[in-house]
């Protein structure tokens, strides 16, 4: 039947491995799995195009554009290789088939990796990279011993992401105009040159049983209020990889109204080393659902962050999963602390319910 579309050209794992070893810049490899799978392990140098239901709908409507990445430039002749986890035969409506069809309009050579990532990774584990290859799990939650060589990263004009080494370096802080610090750890110390009323601690470890969701509203509010007073906040944990990255992603979701997939990609493009653990990613999915169900679509009204009392604060987790608006009435010597304590006591919920 002449109207049927021919199946995509196949490329064997051995051939792709040879290309990557000889001329990795001459090939564009696109990973069509979920971002959690990609985050865990992927073909070296590959670009993730998350195969979510939303992405498929956008592809069907010709609304989805390829992610911004230096490698993705149709003006240069590249061989393109697409893969998912292990599909052998793909229907016309399969996400990967749709991606291949879109790519074939831009590139002359588009191939589908035979056997998918499962086959490739089993044969060439040395040509795969990701969390499991880059992060030693034994280092998780060991305070104040940085495992990252990446310096502080600007995510937004008022939001920076970094490590414990960054926050303890006064020259780095001054060069980047950092005025506030959000410490996402139990034990990493507060730098002496950051005043107590410009410091907030979210006391959590980087583990697969830690709860980050109850703290996200407080963290997002703190960052939002720093922006409103024209400040700059450095969000950090041990290495700026997991805990602080999860907080930054949550803030981007709330501020820009992005999905978890898009917010993750936004932060990842700015700081490629981020890798929130799977436990945190699952809770970010819950946060995404809470935002979708929430009628609060804007960050809070401006409040004064300055306080005559120097008192560093550690927030308490919120009972509610959805973002809340806070009262600016100071009681604790730190306006952000006052807001958070009031929300924890339930006063804010009562005030909103009465509207």
C-alpha atoms as a PDB file:
ATOM      1  CA  UNK A   1       0.000   0.000   0.000  1.00  0.00           C
ATOM      2  CA  UNK A   2       1.643   3.176  -1.241  1.00  0.00           C
ATOM      3  CA  UNK A   3       0.266   5.343   1.557  1.00  0.00           C
ATOM      4  CA  UNK A   4       1.983   3.403   4.335  1.00  0.00           C
ATOM      5  CA  UNK A   5       5.031   5.013   5.879  1.00  0.00           C
ATOM      6  CA  UNK A   6       8.197   2.942   5.701  1.00  0.00           C
ATOM      7  CA  UNK A   7       9.674   1.869   9.066  1.00  0.00           C
ATOM      8  CA  UNK A   8      12.684   3.899  10.228  1.00  0.00           C
ATOM      9  CA  UNK A   9      16.143   2.764   9.276  1.00  0.00           C
ATOM     10  CA  UNK A  10      17.773   0.624  11.987  1.00  0.00           C
ATOM     11  CA  UNK A  11      21.279   0.990  13.381  1.00  0.00           C
ATOM     12  CA  UNK A  12      22.992  -1.720  15.403  1.00  0.00           C
ATOM     13  CA  UNK A  13      24.511  -1.077  18.811  1.00  0.00           C
ATOM     14  CA  UNK A  14      27.993  -1.966  17.569  1.00  0.00           C
ATOM     15  CA  UNK A  15      27.824   0.614  14.789  1.00  0.00           C
ATOM     16  CA  UNK A  16      26.627   3.387  17.102  1.00  0.00           C
ATOM     17  CA  UNK A  17      29.410   2.532  19.554  1.00  0.00           C
ATOM     18  CA  UNK A  18      31.957   2.870  16.755  1.00  0.00           C
ATOM     19  CA  UNK A  19      30.565   6.251  15.705  1.00  0.00           C
ATOM     20  CA  UNK A  20      30.624   7.560  19.277  1.00  0.00           C
ATOM     21  CA  UNK A  21      34.240   6.516  19.695  1.00  0.00           C
ATOM     22  CA  UNK A  22      35.420   7.978  16.384  1.00  0.00           C
ATOM     23  CA  UNK A  23      33.313  11.133  15.914  1.00  0.00           C
ATOM     24  CA  UNK A  24      30.869  11.814  18.732  1.00  0.00           C
ATOM     25  CA  UNK A  25      30.295  15.367  17.463  1.00  0.00           C
ATOM     26  CA  UNK A  26      29.035  14.055  14.139  1.00  0.00           C
ATOM     27  CA  UNK A  27      26.069  12.212  15.597  1.00  0.00           C
ATOM     28  CA  UNK A  28      22.982  13.424  17.440  1.00  0.00           C
ATOM     29  CA  UNK A  29      21.590  10.764  19.798  1.00  0.00           C
ATOM     30  CA  UNK A  30      18.064  11.325  21.137  1.00  0.00           C
ATOM     31  CA  UNK A  31      16.739   9.436  24.172  1.00  0.00           C
ATOM     32  CA  UNK A  32      12.927   9.045  24.091  1.00  0.00           C
ATOM     33  CA  UNK A  33      12.537   7.456  27.524  1.00  0.00           C
ATOM     34  CA  UNK A  34      11.196   9.153  30.650  1.00  0.00           C
ATOM     35  CA  UNK A  35      13.487  11.725  32.201  1.00  0.00           C
ATOM     36  CA  UNK A  36      13.900   9.553  35.319  1.00  0.00           C
ATOM     37  CA  UNK A  37      15.251   6.701  33.198  1.00  0.00           C
ATOM     38  CA  UNK A  38      17.459   9.136  31.303  1.00  0.00           C
ATOM     39  CA  UNK A  39      18.631  10.709  34.545  1.00  0.00           C
ATOM     40  CA  UNK A  40      19.658   7.324  35.885  1.00  0.00           C
ATOM     41  CA  UNK A  41      21.649   6.166  32.843  1.00  0.00           C
ATOM     42  CA  UNK A  42      21.795   7.051  29.147  1.00  0.00           C
ATOM     43  CA  UNK A  43      23.976   6.873  26.053  1.00  0.00           C
ATOM     44  CA  UNK A  44      26.889   9.264  26.463  1.00  0.00           C
ATOM     45  CA  UNK A  45      26.143  12.689  24.989  1.00  0.00           C
ATOM     46  CA  UNK A  46      22.494  11.897  24.264  1.00  0.00           C
ATOM     47  CA  UNK A  47      19.698  14.463  24.525  1.00  0.00           C
ATOM     48  CA  UNK A  48      16.474  13.587  26.337  1.00  0.00           C
ATOM     49  CA  UNK A  49      13.097  14.106  24.678  1.00  0.00           C
ATOM     50  CA  UNK A  50      10.795  12.777  27.373  1.00  0.00           C
ATOM     51  CA  UNK A  51       8.199  10.309  26.081  1.00  0.00           C
ATOM     52  CA  UNK A  52       5.328  11.524  28.236  1.00  0.00           C
ATOM     53  CA  UNK A  53       1.658  11.529  27.244  1.00  0.00           C
ATOM     54  CA  UNK A  54       1.748  15.326  27.049  1.00  0.00           C
ATOM     55  CA  UNK A  55       4.763  15.244  24.737  1.00  0.00           C
ATOM     56  CA  UNK A  56       2.982  12.761  22.474  1.00  0.00           C
ATOM     57  CA  UNK A  57      -0.104  14.984  22.299  1.00  0.00           C
ATOM     58  CA  UNK A  58       2.082  17.952  21.377  1.00  0.00           C
ATOM     59  CA  UNK A  59       3.826  15.941  18.688  1.00  0.00           C
ATOM     60  CA  UNK A  60       0.499  14.918  17.182  1.00  0.00           C
ATOM     61  CA  UNK A  61      -0.458  18.592  17.040  1.00  0.00           C
ATOM     62  CA  UNK A  62       2.976  19.575  15.692  1.00  0.00           C
ATOM     63  CA  UNK A  63       3.456  21.753  18.766  1.00  0.00           C
ATOM     64  CA  UNK A  64       6.501  20.076  20.277  1.00  0.00           C
ATOM     65  CA  UNK A  65       9.872  21.539  19.403  1.00  0.00           C
ATOM     66  CA  UNK A  66      13.155  19.808  20.030  1.00  0.00           C
ATOM     67  CA  UNK A  67      14.913  20.807  23.256  1.00  0.00           C
ATOM     68  CA  UNK A  68      17.440  23.636  23.084  1.00  0.00           C
ATOM     69  CA  UNK A  69      20.844  22.013  22.945  1.00  0.00           C
ATOM     70  CA  UNK A  70      24.115  22.912  21.184  1.00  0.00           C
ATOM     71  CA  UNK A  71      24.025  19.638  19.269  1.00  0.00           C
ATOM     72  CA  UNK A  72      20.568  20.228  17.810  1.00  0.00           C
ATOM     73  CA  UNK A  73      21.137  22.433  14.801  1.00  0.00           C
ATOM     74  CA  UNK A  74      19.637  21.303  11.479  1.00  0.00           C
ATOM     75  CA  UNK A  75      22.009  23.617   9.607  1.00  0.00           C
ATOM     76  CA  UNK A  76      24.769  21.087  10.268  1.00  0.00           C
ATOM     77  CA  UNK A  77      24.712  17.675   8.652  1.00  0.00           C
ATOM     78  CA  UNK A  78      24.487  15.083  11.391  1.00  0.00           C
ATOM     79  CA  UNK A  79      23.561  11.472  11.631  1.00  0.00           C
ATOM     80  CA  UNK A  80      20.632  11.171  14.037  1.00  0.00           C
ATOM     81  CA  UNK A  81      20.025   8.091  16.187  1.00  0.00           C
ATOM     82  CA  UNK A  82      16.837   7.693  18.229  1.00  0.00           C
ATOM     83  CA  UNK A  83      16.257   5.134  20.966  1.00  0.00           C
ATOM     84  CA  UNK A  84      13.838   4.127  23.695  1.00  0.00           C
ATOM     85  CA  UNK A  85      14.200   1.374  26.283  1.00  0.00           C
ATOM     86  CA  UNK A  86      13.893  -1.585  23.948  1.00  0.00           C
ATOM     87  CA  UNK A  87      11.082  -1.466  21.400  1.00  0.00           C
ATOM     88  CA  UNK A  88      11.513  -3.808  18.447  1.00  0.00           C
ATOM     89  CA  UNK A  89       8.494  -2.989  16.271  1.00  0.00           C
ATOM     90  CA  UNK A  90       6.849   0.417  16.554  1.00  0.00           C
ATOM     91  CA  UNK A  91       3.342   1.334  15.496  1.00  0.00           C
ATOM     92  CA  UNK A  92       2.742   4.525  13.529  1.00  0.00           C
ATOM     93  CA  UNK A  93       1.287   6.183  16.624  1.00  0.00           C
ATOM     94  CA  UNK A  94       4.144   5.220  18.940  1.00  0.00           C
ATOM     95  CA  UNK A  95       5.949   8.195  20.492  1.00  0.00           C
ATOM     96  CA  UNK A  96       9.279   7.154  18.991  1.00  0.00           C
ATOM     97  CA  UNK A  97       7.724   6.837  15.527  1.00  0.00           C
ATOM     98  CA  UNK A  98       6.353  10.363  15.853  1.00  0.00           C
ATOM     99  CA  UNK A  99       9.762  11.676  16.918  1.00  0.00           C
ATOM    100  CA  UNK A 100      11.464   9.936  13.997  1.00  0.00           C
ATOM    101  CA  UNK A 101       8.909  11.425  11.596  1.00  0.00           C
ATOM    102  CA  UNK A 102       9.550  14.915  12.923  1.00  0.00           C
ATOM    103  CA  UNK A 103      13.325  14.469  12.721  1.00  0.00           C
ATOM    104  CA  UNK A 104      13.175  13.153   9.162  1.00  0.00           C
ATOM    105  CA  UNK A 105      11.790  16.536   8.112  1.00  0.00           C
ATOM    106  CA  UNK A 106      14.958  18.219   9.394  1.00  0.00           C
ATOM    107  CA  UNK A 107      17.739  15.672   8.969  1.00  0.00           C
ATOM    108  CA  UNK A 108      18.678  13.469   6.023  1.00  0.00           C
ATOM    109  CA  UNK A 109      19.866  10.482   8.076  1.00  0.00           C
ATOM    110  CA  UNK A 110      17.661   9.298  10.957  1.00  0.00           C
ATOM    111  CA  UNK A 111      18.039   5.820  12.456  1.00  0.00           C
ATOM    112  CA  UNK A 112      16.412   3.834  15.255  1.00  0.00           C
ATOM    113  CA  UNK A 113      18.760   2.033  17.643  1.00  0.00           C
ATOM    114  CA  UNK A 114      18.169  -1.690  17.297  1.00  0.00           C
ATOM    115  CA  UNK A 115      17.241  -3.245  20.641  1.00  0.00           C
ATOM    116  CA  UNK A 116      17.011   0.153  22.322  1.00  0.00           C
ATOM    117  CA  UNK A 117      18.944   1.276  25.369  1.00  0.00           C
ATOM    118  CA  UNK A 118      18.597  -2.068  27.137  1.00  0.00           C
ATOM    119  CA  UNK A 119      20.608  -3.786  24.422  1.00  0.00           C
ATOM    120  CA  UNK A 120      23.144  -0.973  24.002  1.00  0.00           C
ATOM    121  CA  UNK A 121      23.875  -0.558  27.722  1.00  0.00           C
ATOM    122  CA  UNK A 122      24.386  -4.296  28.193  1.00  0.00           C
ATOM    123  CA  UNK A 123      26.997  -4.367  25.418  1.00  0.00           C
ATOM    124  CA  UNK A 124      28.686  -0.993  25.940  1.00  0.00           C
ATOM    125  CA  UNK A 125      28.332   0.127  29.586  1.00  0.00           C
ATOM    126  CA  UNK A 126      31.446   2.296  29.176  1.00  0.00           C
ATOM    127  CA  UNK A 127      29.526   4.406  26.621  1.00  0.00           C
ATOM    128  CA  UNK A 128      26.733   5.170  29.090  1.00  0.00           C
ATOM    129  CA  UNK A 129      26.608   7.922  31.665  1.00  0.00           C
ATOM    130  CA  UNK A 130      24.253   9.188  34.347  1.00  0.00           C
ATOM    131  CA  UNK A 131      23.637   9.250  38.060  1.00  0.00           C
ATOM    132  CA  UNK A 132      24.876   5.720  38.653  1.00  0.00           C
ATOM    133  CA  UNK A 133      28.153   6.419  36.889  1.00  0.00           C
ATOM    134  CA  UNK A 134      28.779   9.914  38.229  1.00  0.00           C
ATOM    135  CA  UNK A 135      27.690   9.869  41.866  1.00  0.00           C
ATOM    136  CA  UNK A 136      28.992   7.611  44.597  1.00  0.00           C
ATOM    137  CA  UNK A 137      26.000   6.685  46.749  1.00  0.00           C
ATOM    138  CA  UNK A 138      28.320   6.221  49.725  1.00  0.00           C
ATOM    139  CA  UNK A 139      28.875   9.985  49.724  1.00  0.00           C
ATOM    140  CA  UNK A 140      25.190  10.825  50.134  1.00  0.00           C
ATOM    141  CA  UNK A 141      24.385  12.878  53.232  1.00  0.00           C
ATOM    142  CA  UNK A 142      27.984  13.286  54.357  1.00  0.00           C
ATOM    143  CA  UNK A 143      27.908  16.986  55.285  1.00  0.00           C
ATOM    144  CA  UNK A 144      30.230  19.636  53.959  1.00  0.00           C
ATOM    145  CA  UNK A 145      32.436  17.440  51.755  1.00  0.00           C
ATOM    146  CA  UNK A 146      31.760  18.681  48.241  1.00  0.00           C
ATOM    147  CA  UNK A 147      31.728  16.123  45.429  1.00  0.00           C
ATOM    148  CA  UNK A 148      31.174  18.720  42.700  1.00  0.00           C
ATOM    149  CA  UNK A 149      33.767  20.740  40.803  1.00  0.00           C
ATOM    150  CA  UNK A 150      31.060  22.868  39.150  1.00  0.00           C
ATOM    151  CA  UNK A 151      30.919  26.410  40.475  1.00  0.00           C
ATOM    152  CA  UNK A 152      27.816  28.382  41.415  1.00  0.00           C
ATOM    153  CA  UNK A 153      25.214  28.414  38.629  1.00  0.00           C
ATOM    154  CA  UNK A 154      22.802  31.213  37.724  1.00  0.00           C
ATOM    155  CA  UNK A 155      19.348  29.696  37.145  1.00  0.00           C
ATOM    156  CA  UNK A 156      17.437  33.009  37.142  1.00  0.00           C
ATOM    157  CA  UNK A 157      18.577  36.572  37.858  1.00  0.00           C
ATOM    158  CA  UNK A 158      17.601  36.101  41.515  1.00  0.00           C
ATOM    159  CA  UNK A 159      18.181  32.334  41.873  1.00  0.00           C
ATOM    160  CA  UNK A 160      21.547  30.604  42.022  1.00  0.00           C
ATOM    161  CA  UNK A 161      22.369  26.953  42.616  1.00  0.00           C
ATOM    162  CA  UNK A 162      25.584  25.715  44.173  1.00  0.00           C
ATOM    163  CA  UNK A 163      27.471  23.571  46.632  1.00  0.00           C
ATOM    164  CA  UNK A 164      28.758  23.886  50.170  1.00  0.00           C
ATOM    165  CA  UNK A 165      32.134  24.990  48.805  1.00  0.00           C
ATOM    166  CA  UNK A 166      30.442  27.823  46.922  1.00  0.00           C
ATOM    167  CA  UNK A 167      28.537  29.200  49.884  1.00  0.00           C
ATOM    168  CA  UNK A 168      31.618  29.167  52.130  1.00  0.00           C
ATOM    169  CA  UNK A 169      33.668  31.147  49.579  1.00  0.00           C
ATOM    170  CA  UNK A 170      33.048  34.824  50.319  1.00  0.00           C
ATOM    171  CA  UNK A 171      34.675  35.888  47.062  1.00  0.00           C
ATOM    172  CA  UNK A 172      32.238  33.722  45.069  1.00  0.00           C
ATOM    173  CA  UNK A 173      29.308  35.127  47.050  1.00  0.00           C
ATOM    174  CA  UNK A 174      30.415  38.721  46.476  1.00  0.00           C
ATOM    175  CA  UNK A 175      31.175  38.221  42.781  1.00  0.00           C
ATOM    176  CA  UNK A 176      27.669  36.896  42.176  1.00  0.00           C
ATOM    177  CA  UNK A 177      25.925  39.463  44.368  1.00  0.00           C
ATOM    178  CA  UNK A 178      24.367  36.804  46.624  1.00  0.00           C
ATOM    179  CA  UNK A 179      22.326  38.363  49.435  1.00  0.00           C
ATOM    180  CA  UNK A 180      20.487  35.338  50.879  1.00  0.00           C
ATOM    181  CA  UNK A 181      21.216  31.659  51.400  1.00  0.00           C
ATOM    182  CA  UNK A 182      18.848  28.687  51.442  1.00  0.00           C
ATOM    183  CA  UNK A 183      20.693  25.730  52.972  1.00  0.00           C
ATOM    184  CA  UNK A 184      19.062  22.378  52.134  1.00  0.00           C
ATOM    185  CA  UNK A 185      20.891  20.177  54.645  1.00  0.00           C
ATOM    186  CA  UNK A 186      21.071  19.242  58.301  1.00  0.00           C
ATOM    187  CA  UNK A 187      24.706  19.894  59.029  1.00  0.00           C
ATOM    188  CA  UNK A 188      26.393  22.153  56.503  1.00  0.00           C
ATOM    189  CA  UNK A 189      27.232  25.345  58.418  1.00  0.00           C
ATOM    190  CA  UNK A 190      26.046  28.863  57.774  1.00  0.00           C
ATOM    191  CA  UNK A 191      28.787  31.162  56.478  1.00  0.00           C
ATOM    192  CA  UNK A 192      29.685  33.863  59.002  1.00  0.00           C
ATOM    193  CA  UNK A 193      29.448  36.614  56.372  1.00  0.00           C
ATOM    194  CA  UNK A 194      25.725  35.921  55.702  1.00  0.00           C
ATOM    195  CA  UNK A 195      23.507  37.597  58.283  1.00  0.00           C
ATOM    196  CA  UNK A 196      21.161  35.335  60.211  1.00  0.00           C
ATOM    197  CA  UNK A 197      18.041  37.044  58.902  1.00  0.00           C
ATOM    198  CA  UNK A 198      19.152  36.342  55.320  1.00  0.00           C
ATOM    199  CA  UNK A 199      19.589  32.637  55.954  1.00  0.00           C
ATOM    200  CA  UNK A 200      17.113  29.765  55.911  1.00  0.00           C
ATOM    201  CA  UNK A 201      17.751  26.092  56.564  1.00  0.00           C
ATOM    202  CA  UNK A 202      15.649  23.211  55.230  1.00  0.00           C
ATOM    203  CA  UNK A 203      16.927  20.309  57.357  1.00  0.00           C
ATOM    204  CA  UNK A 204      16.823  17.203  55.165  1.00  0.00           C
ATOM    205  CA  UNK A 205      19.276  14.495  54.127  1.00  0.00           C
ATOM    206  CA  UNK A 206      19.812  13.216  50.601  1.00  0.00           C
ATOM    207  CA  UNK A 207      18.287   9.778  51.086  1.00  0.00           C
ATOM    208  CA  UNK A 208      15.670   7.561  49.527  1.00  0.00           C
ATOM    209  CA  UNK A 209      13.346   7.832  52.534  1.00  0.00           C
ATOM    210  CA  UNK A 210      13.581  11.581  53.266  1.00  0.00           C
ATOM    211  CA  UNK A 211      10.478  13.752  52.859  1.00  0.00           C
ATOM    212  CA  UNK A 212      11.130  16.922  50.876  1.00  0.00           C
ATOM    213  CA  UNK A 213       7.540  17.643  49.822  1.00  0.00           C
ATOM    214  CA  UNK A 214       6.426  19.206  53.153  1.00  0.00           C
ATOM    215  CA  UNK A 215       9.251  21.744  52.888  1.00  0.00           C
ATOM    216  CA  UNK A 216       8.732  22.869  49.304  1.00  0.00           C
ATOM    217  CA  UNK A 217       6.114  25.544  49.975  1.00  0.00           C
ATOM    218  CA  UNK A 218       8.358  27.215  52.549  1.00  0.00           C
ATOM    219  CA  UNK A 219      11.381  27.069  50.255  1.00  0.00           C
ATOM    220  CA  UNK A 220       9.445  28.462  47.284  1.00  0.00           C
ATOM    221  CA  UNK A 221       8.047  31.301  49.399  1.00  0.00           C
ATOM    222  CA  UNK A 222      11.513  32.211  50.677  1.00  0.00           C
ATOM    223  CA  UNK A 223      12.977  32.391  47.160  1.00  0.00           C
ATOM    224  CA  UNK A 224       9.992  34.376  45.910  1.00  0.00           C
ATOM    225  CA  UNK A 225      10.327  36.945  48.663  1.00  0.00           C
ATOM    226  CA  UNK A 226      14.037  37.359  47.973  1.00  0.00           C
ATOM    227  CA  UNK A 227      13.125  38.296  44.407  1.00  0.00           C
ATOM    228  CA  UNK A 228      10.565  40.802  45.633  1.00  0.00           C
ATOM    229  CA  UNK A 229      13.238  42.699  47.600  1.00  0.00           C
ATOM    230  CA  UNK A 230      15.594  42.579  44.579  1.00  0.00           C
ATOM    231  CA  UNK A 231      17.938  40.131  46.280  1.00  0.00           C
ATOM    232  CA  UNK A 232      19.756  37.051  45.052  1.00  0.00           C
ATOM    233  CA  UNK A 233      19.517  33.713  46.805  1.00  0.00           C
ATOM    234  CA  UNK A 234      21.971  30.834  46.609  1.00  0.00           C
ATOM    235  CA  UNK A 235      20.238  27.501  47.153  1.00  0.00           C
ATOM    236  CA  UNK A 236      22.778  24.868  48.110  1.00  0.00           C
ATOM    237  CA  UNK A 237      23.269  21.449  49.649  1.00  0.00           C
ATOM    238  CA  UNK A 238      26.385  19.315  49.772  1.00  0.00           C
ATOM    239  CA  UNK A 239      27.239  19.377  46.070  1.00  0.00           C
ATOM    240  CA  UNK A 240      24.377  21.225  44.375  1.00  0.00           C
ATOM    241  CA  UNK A 241      23.229  17.998  42.752  1.00  0.00           C
ATOM    242  CA  UNK A 242      20.173  16.510  44.466  1.00  0.00           C
ATOM    243  CA  UNK A 243      18.496  18.343  47.374  1.00  0.00           C
ATOM    244  CA  UNK A 244      19.056  21.936  46.268  1.00  0.00           C
ATOM    245  CA  UNK A 245      18.292  20.977  42.658  1.00  0.00           C
ATOM    246  CA  UNK A 246      14.927  19.556  43.745  1.00  0.00           C
ATOM    247  CA  UNK A 247      14.093  22.852  45.469  1.00  0.00           C
ATOM    248  CA  UNK A 248      15.127  24.861  42.397  1.00  0.00           C
ATOM    249  CA  UNK A 249      12.964  22.670  40.154  1.00  0.00           C
ATOM    250  CA  UNK A 250       9.983  23.116  42.475  1.00  0.00           C
ATOM    251  CA  UNK A 251      10.432  26.892  42.366  1.00  0.00           C
ATOM    252  CA  UNK A 252      10.598  26.929  38.555  1.00  0.00           C
ATOM    253  CA  UNK A 253       7.432  24.807  38.402  1.00  0.00           C
ATOM    254  CA  UNK A 254       5.616  27.275  40.658  1.00  0.00           C
ATOM    255  CA  UNK A 255       6.993  30.474  39.133  1.00  0.00           C
ATOM    256  CA  UNK A 256       6.693  29.587  35.449  1.00  0.00           C
ATOM    257  CA  UNK A 257       3.777  27.171  35.574  1.00  0.00           C
ATOM    258  CA  UNK A 258       5.913  24.457  33.990  1.00  0.00           C
ATOM    259  CA  UNK A 259       5.454  20.719  34.248  1.00  0.00           C
ATOM    260  CA  UNK A 260       8.017  18.729  36.198  1.00  0.00           C
ATOM    261  CA  UNK A 261       9.523  17.497  32.927  1.00  0.00           C
ATOM    262  CA  UNK A 262       9.979  21.013  31.564  1.00  0.00           C
ATOM    263  CA  UNK A 263      11.178  22.506  34.861  1.00  0.00           C
ATOM    264  CA  UNK A 264      13.706  19.700  35.276  1.00  0.00           C
ATOM    265  CA  UNK A 265      14.983  20.310  31.755  1.00  0.00           C
ATOM    266  CA  UNK A 266      15.129  24.075  32.342  1.00  0.00           C
ATOM    267  CA  UNK A 267      17.372  23.672  35.405  1.00  0.00           C
ATOM    268  CA  UNK A 268      19.394  20.855  33.809  1.00  0.00           C
ATOM    269  CA  UNK A 269      20.265  23.071  30.837  1.00  0.00           C
ATOM    270  CA  UNK A 270      21.664  25.669  33.241  1.00  0.00           C
ATOM    271  CA  UNK A 271      23.441  23.165  35.513  1.00  0.00           C
ATOM    272  CA  UNK A 272      23.995  19.816  33.745  1.00  0.00           C
ATOM    273  CA  UNK A 273      25.308  18.122  36.899  1.00  0.00           C
ATOM    274  CA  UNK A 274      21.962  18.136  38.722  1.00  0.00           C
ATOM    275  CA  UNK A 275      20.542  14.724  39.584  1.00  0.00           C
ATOM    276  CA  UNK A 276      17.775  14.708  42.227  1.00  0.00           C
ATOM    277  CA  UNK A 277      17.355  11.232  43.671  1.00  0.00           C
ATOM    278  CA  UNK A 278      14.346   9.183  42.577  1.00  0.00           C
ATOM    279  CA  UNK A 279      12.637   9.683  45.932  1.00  0.00           C
ATOM    280  CA  UNK A 280      12.707  13.460  45.459  1.00  0.00           C
ATOM    281  CA  UNK A 281      11.561  13.154  41.838  1.00  0.00           C
ATOM    282  CA  UNK A 282       8.537  11.170  42.976  1.00  0.00           C
ATOM    283  CA  UNK A 283       7.658  13.869  45.492  1.00  0.00           C
ATOM    284  CA  UNK A 284       8.121  16.548  42.835  1.00  0.00           C
ATOM    285  CA  UNK A 285       5.482  14.705  40.813  1.00  0.00           C
ATOM    286  CA  UNK A 286       3.173  15.022  43.820  1.00  0.00           C
ATOM    287  CA  UNK A 287       4.041  18.711  44.017  1.00  0.00           C
ATOM    288  CA  UNK A 288       3.191  19.082  40.329  1.00  0.00           C
ATOM    289  CA  UNK A 289      -0.249  17.597  40.990  1.00  0.00           C
ATOM    290  CA  UNK A 290      -0.774  19.861  43.994  1.00  0.00           C
ATOM    291  CA  UNK A 291       0.046  22.905  41.859  1.00  0.00           C
ATOM    292  CA  UNK A 292      -2.397  21.761  39.204  1.00  0.00           C
ATOM    293  CA  UNK A 293      -5.112  21.477  41.843  1.00  0.00           C
ATOM    294  CA  UNK A 294      -4.250  24.751  43.523  1.00  0.00           C
ATOM    295  CA  UNK A 295      -6.050  28.006  42.775  1.00  0.00           C
ATOM    296  CA  UNK A 296      -3.078  29.998  44.044  1.00  0.00           C
ATOM    297  CA  UNK A 297      -1.283  30.818  40.788  1.00  0.00           C
ATOM    298  CA  UNK A 298       0.914  33.705  41.925  1.00  0.00           C
ATOM    299  CA  UNK A 299       3.745  34.229  44.346  1.00  0.00           C
ATOM    300  CA  UNK A 300       2.915  36.189  47.527  1.00  0.00           C
ATOM    301  CA  UNK A 301       2.740  39.952  47.881  1.00  0.00           C
ATOM    302  CA  UNK A 302       5.963  41.708  48.884  1.00  0.00           C
ATOM    303  CA  UNK A 303       6.994  41.579  52.533  1.00  0.00           C
ATOM    304  CA  UNK A 304      10.027  43.046  54.234  1.00  0.00           C
ATOM    305  CA  UNK A 305      12.789  40.490  54.734  1.00  0.00           C
ATOM    306  CA  UNK A 306      14.949  42.743  56.877  1.00  0.00           C
ATOM    307  CA  UNK A 307      14.613  42.409  60.628  1.00  0.00           C
ATOM    308  CA  UNK A 308      16.238  44.233  63.551  1.00  0.00           C
ATOM    309  CA  UNK A 309      16.911  40.870  65.187  1.00  0.00           C
ATOM    310  CA  UNK A 310      19.679  38.622  63.877  1.00  0.00           C
ATOM    311  CA  UNK A 311      18.236  35.149  64.226  1.00  0.00           C
ATOM    312  CA  UNK A 312      18.894  32.370  61.735  1.00  0.00           C
ATOM    313  CA  UNK A 313      15.862  30.234  61.127  1.00  0.00           C
ATOM    314  CA  UNK A 314      15.113  26.618  60.455  1.00  0.00           C
ATOM    315  CA  UNK A 315      11.632  26.203  59.046  1.00  0.00           C
ATOM    316  CA  UNK A 316       9.091  23.622  60.063  1.00  0.00           C
ATOM    317  CA  UNK A 317       7.483  21.448  57.386  1.00  0.00           C
ATOM    318  CA  UNK A 318       4.066  22.471  56.138  1.00  0.00           C
ATOM    319  CA  UNK A 319       1.149  20.124  56.729  1.00  0.00           C
ATOM    320  CA  UNK A 320      -0.335  21.132  53.380  1.00  0.00           C
ATOM    321  CA  UNK A 321       1.093  20.024  50.068  1.00  0.00           C
ATOM    322  CA  UNK A 322      -0.239  23.063  48.206  1.00  0.00           C
ATOM    323  CA  UNK A 323       1.393  26.510  48.238  1.00  0.00           C
ATOM    324  CA  UNK A 324      -0.063  29.016  50.693  1.00  0.00           C
ATOM    325  CA  UNK A 325       0.022  32.773  51.163  1.00  0.00           C
ATOM    326  CA  UNK A 326       1.752  34.001  54.305  1.00  0.00           C
ATOM    327  CA  UNK A 327       1.134  36.864  56.731  1.00  0.00           C
ATOM    328  CA  UNK A 328       3.906  39.474  56.937  1.00  0.00           C
ATOM    329  CA  UNK A 329       3.399  40.168  60.673  1.00  0.00           C
ATOM    330  CA  UNK A 330       6.790  39.607  62.407  1.00  0.00           C
ATOM    331  CA  UNK A 331       6.986  37.621  65.650  1.00  0.00           C
ATOM    332  CA  UNK A 332      10.203  35.622  65.391  1.00  0.00           C
ATOM    333  CA  UNK A 333      12.736  38.226  64.328  1.00  0.00           C
ATOM    334  CA  UNK A 334      12.700  36.953  60.742  1.00  0.00           C
ATOM    335  CA  UNK A 335       9.711  37.769  58.565  1.00  0.00           C
ATOM    336  CA  UNK A 336      10.075  34.616  56.512  1.00  0.00           C
ATOM    337  CA  UNK A 337      10.102  32.552  59.720  1.00  0.00           C
ATOM    338  CA  UNK A 338       6.991  34.343  60.927  1.00  0.00           C
ATOM    339  CA  UNK A 339       5.201  33.539  57.706  1.00  0.00           C
ATOM    340  CA  UNK A 340       6.183  29.893  57.806  1.00  0.00           C
ATOM    341  CA  UNK A 341       5.296  29.412  61.471  1.00  0.00           C
ATOM    342  CA  UNK A 342       1.915  31.018  60.896  1.00  0.00           C
ATOM    343  CA  UNK A 343       1.201  28.743  57.961  1.00  0.00           C
ATOM    344  CA  UNK A 344       2.208  25.714  60.024  1.00  0.00           C
ATOM    345  CA  UNK A 345      -0.184  26.733  62.784  1.00  0.00           C
ATOM    346  CA  UNK A 346      -3.112  26.722  60.376  1.00  0.00           C
ATOM    347  CA  UNK A 347      -3.911  30.447  60.579  1.00  0.00           C
ATOM    348  CA  UNK A 348      -3.207  30.997  56.912  1.00  0.00           C
ATOM    349  CA  UNK A 349      -5.472  28.144  55.890  1.00  0.00           C
ATOM    350  CA  UNK A 350      -8.273  29.643  57.978  1.00  0.00           C
ATOM    351  CA  UNK A 351      -7.714  33.059  56.422  1.00  0.00           C
ATOM    352  CA  UNK A 352      -7.818  31.660  52.885  1.00  0.00           C
ATOM    353  CA  UNK A 353     -10.894  29.590  53.655  1.00  0.00           C
ATOM    354  CA  UNK A 354     -12.709  32.717  54.756  1.00  0.00           C
ATOM    355  CA  UNK A 355     -12.198  34.470  51.431  1.00  0.00           C
END
